[in-house]
Amino acid sequence: MPYHHIEKAIHHSLKAIPRNEELCTLCEEYAEMAVDYMSENKTQTEIIDLLHVSCSQLLTFK
């Protein structure tokens, strides 16, 4: 899936979610890390692993 489609889908999804500023800031940081990985041609598995490990540490995702 081309990057701009992913970015558009994420942006659309985030509009529908009520904001929790603390959680949103953390998620934005993790999303930025994923985008950085994509720009460095990391594999999809590496990106998913990074997000899984990072987000699994949040109580709301356990």
N, C-alpha and C. Protein backbone atom coordinates (compact mmCIF):
# COMPACT_ATOMS: atom_id res chain seq x y z
N MET A 1 0.86 -1.18 0.00
CA MET A 1 0.00 0.00 0.00
C MET A 1 0.90 1.24 0.00
N PRO A 2 0.71 2.15 -0.93
CA PRO A 2 1.53 3.36 -0.98
C PRO A 2 1.41 4.17 0.30
N TYR A 3 2.51 4.82 0.66
CA TYR A 3 2.58 5.58 1.90
C TYR A 3 1.46 6.60 2.04
N HIS A 4 1.14 7.35 0.98
CA HIS A 4 0.12 8.40 1.10
C HIS A 4 -1.25 7.81 1.43
N HIS A 5 -1.53 6.58 1.01
CA HIS A 5 -2.80 5.93 1.35
C HIS A 5 -2.83 5.58 2.83
N ILE A 6 -1.70 5.12 3.36
CA ILE A 6 -1.62 4.79 4.78
C ILE A 6 -1.80 6.05 5.61
N GLU A 7 -1.10 7.11 5.23
CA GLU A 7 -1.18 8.37 5.97
C GLU A 7 -2.62 8.90 5.96
N LYS A 8 -3.28 8.83 4.82
CA LYS A 8 -4.66 9.30 4.70
C LYS A 8 -5.60 8.46 5.57
N ALA A 9 -5.42 7.15 5.58
CA ALA A 9 -6.26 6.26 6.39
C ALA A 9 -6.07 6.52 7.87
N ILE A 10 -4.83 6.71 8.29
CA ILE A 10 -4.56 7.00 9.71
C ILE A 10 -5.19 8.33 10.09
N HIS A 11 -5.01 9.34 9.27
CA HIS A 11 -5.57 10.66 9.56
C HIS A 11 -7.08 10.59 9.67
N HIS A 12 -7.73 9.87 8.76
CA HIS A 12 -9.19 9.72 8.78
C HIS A 12 -9.64 8.99 10.04
N SER A 13 -8.92 7.94 10.43
CA SER A 13 -9.28 7.16 11.62
C SER A 13 -9.14 7.99 12.88
N LEU A 14 -8.09 8.79 12.96
CA LEU A 14 -7.86 9.58 14.16
C LEU A 14 -8.92 10.65 14.38
N LYS A 15 -9.53 11.13 13.31
CA LYS A 15 -10.58 12.13 13.44
C LYS A 15 -11.78 11.59 14.20
N ALA A 16 -12.05 10.28 14.07
CA ALA A 16 -13.23 9.67 14.66
C ALA A 16 -13.04 9.28 16.12
N ILE A 17 -11.83 9.34 16.63
CA ILE A 17 -11.54 8.90 17.99
C ILE A 17 -11.51 10.10 18.93
N PRO A 18 -12.28 10.01 20.06
CA PRO A 18 -12.20 11.10 21.04
C PRO A 18 -10.76 11.21 21.55
N ARG A 19 -10.30 12.42 21.72
CA ARG A 19 -8.89 12.62 22.08
C ARG A 19 -8.64 12.52 23.57
N ASN A 20 -7.61 11.81 23.92
CA ASN A 20 -7.03 11.78 25.25
C ASN A 20 -5.63 12.32 25.01
N GLU A 21 -5.39 13.56 25.40
CA GLU A 21 -4.15 14.25 25.01
C GLU A 21 -2.89 13.45 25.36
N GLU A 22 -2.85 12.85 26.56
CA GLU A 22 -1.66 12.11 26.96
C GLU A 22 -1.44 10.89 26.07
N LEU A 23 -2.51 10.13 25.84
CA LEU A 23 -2.41 8.94 25.00
C LEU A 23 -2.15 9.33 23.55
N CYS A 24 -2.81 10.36 23.07
CA CYS A 24 -2.62 10.79 21.68
C CYS A 24 -1.19 11.23 21.42
N THR A 25 -0.60 11.94 22.36
CA THR A 25 0.78 12.38 22.20
C THR A 25 1.71 11.18 22.09
N LEU A 26 1.50 10.19 22.94
CA LEU A 26 2.33 8.99 22.90
C LEU A 26 2.14 8.24 21.58
N CYS A 27 0.91 8.09 21.15
CA CYS A 27 0.64 7.41 19.87
C CYS A 27 1.25 8.17 18.70
N GLU A 28 1.19 9.49 18.75
CA GLU A 28 1.78 10.29 17.69
C GLU A 28 3.29 10.06 17.62
N GLU A 29 3.93 9.93 18.79
CA GLU A 29 5.36 9.67 18.81
C GLU A 29 5.67 8.31 18.18
N TYR A 30 4.87 7.29 18.53
CA TYR A 30 5.10 5.95 17.96
C TYR A 30 4.80 5.94 16.47
N ALA A 31 3.78 6.66 16.06
CA ALA A 31 3.47 6.73 14.63
C ALA A 31 4.61 7.41 13.88
N GLU A 32 5.18 8.45 14.48
CA GLU A 32 6.31 9.14 13.85
C GLU A 32 7.50 8.20 13.71
N MET A 33 7.73 7.37 14.73
CA MET A 33 8.82 6.40 14.65
C MET A 33 8.58 5.42 13.51
N ALA A 34 7.32 4.99 13.35
CA ALA A 34 6.98 4.05 12.27
C ALA A 34 7.21 4.71 10.91
N VAL A 35 6.82 5.96 10.78
CA VAL A 35 7.03 6.68 9.52
C VAL A 35 8.53 6.82 9.23
N ASP A 36 9.31 7.10 10.27
CA ASP A 36 10.77 7.17 10.09
C ASP A 36 11.32 5.84 9.60
N TYR A 37 10.84 4.74 10.20
CA TYR A 37 11.28 3.42 9.76
C TYR A 37 10.92 3.18 8.30
N MET A 38 9.70 3.58 7.92
CA MET A 38 9.29 3.37 6.53
C MET A 38 10.18 4.16 5.58
N SER A 39 10.55 5.36 5.97
CA SER A 39 11.39 6.18 5.10
C SER A 39 12.80 5.60 4.98
N GLU A 40 13.18 4.76 5.93
CA GLU A 40 14.49 4.10 5.88
C GLU A 40 14.39 2.71 5.25
N ASN A 41 13.26 2.41 4.63
CA ASN A 41 13.04 1.13 3.95
C ASN A 41 13.11 -0.07 4.89
N LYS A 42 12.65 0.10 6.12
CA LYS A 42 12.58 -1.04 7.04
C LYS A 42 11.44 -1.95 6.58
N THR A 43 11.49 -3.18 7.00
CA THR A 43 10.45 -4.11 6.58
C THR A 43 9.18 -3.90 7.38
N GLN A 44 8.08 -4.35 6.81
CA GLN A 44 6.79 -4.25 7.47
C GLN A 44 6.82 -4.98 8.82
N THR A 45 7.48 -6.11 8.87
CA THR A 45 7.56 -6.89 10.11
C THR A 45 8.27 -6.10 11.21
N GLU A 46 9.35 -5.40 10.87
CA GLU A 46 10.06 -4.59 11.86
C GLU A 46 9.17 -3.48 12.40
N ILE A 47 8.40 -2.85 11.52
CA ILE A 47 7.49 -1.78 11.93
C ILE A 47 6.41 -2.32 12.85
N ILE A 48 5.80 -3.43 12.46
CA ILE A 48 4.74 -4.03 13.27
C ILE A 48 5.29 -4.46 14.62
N ASP A 49 6.47 -5.05 14.64
CA ASP A 49 7.08 -5.46 15.91
C ASP A 49 7.32 -4.26 16.82
N LEU A 50 7.83 -3.17 16.26
CA LEU A 50 8.07 -1.97 17.05
C LEU A 50 6.78 -1.45 17.66
N LEU A 51 5.73 -1.35 16.85
CA LEU A 51 4.46 -0.84 17.35
C LEU A 51 3.84 -1.80 18.36
N HIS A 52 3.95 -3.10 18.11
CA HIS A 52 3.38 -4.08 19.03
C HIS A 52 4.04 -3.98 20.41
N VAL A 53 5.35 -3.95 20.42
CA VAL A 53 6.08 -3.86 21.69
C VAL A 53 5.77 -2.54 22.40
N SER A 54 5.79 -1.45 21.66
CA SER A 54 5.56 -0.14 22.26
C SER A 54 4.13 0.02 22.76
N CYS A 55 3.17 -0.33 21.93
CA CYS A 55 1.77 -0.13 22.30
C CYS A 55 1.30 -1.15 23.33
N SER A 56 1.92 -2.32 23.39
CA SER A 56 1.51 -3.31 24.38
C SER A 56 1.86 -2.86 25.79
N GLN A 57 2.72 -1.87 25.91
CA GLN A 57 3.08 -1.34 27.22
C GLN A 57 2.03 -0.37 27.74
N LEU A 58 1.10 0.05 26.89
CA LEU A 58 0.02 0.93 27.32
C LEU A 58 -1.11 0.08 27.89
N LEU A 59 -1.62 0.44 29.04
CA LEU A 59 -2.66 -0.35 29.69
C LEU A 59 -3.89 -0.53 28.82
N THR A 60 -4.24 0.48 28.02
CA THR A 60 -5.45 0.40 27.20
C THR A 60 -5.33 -0.61 26.08
N PHE A 61 -4.12 -1.06 25.75
CA PHE A 61 -3.93 -2.00 24.66
C PHE A 61 -3.62 -3.41 25.12
N LYS A 62 -3.63 -3.64 26.44
CA LYS A 62 -3.35 -4.99 26.96
C LYS A 62 -4.59 -5.83 26.93
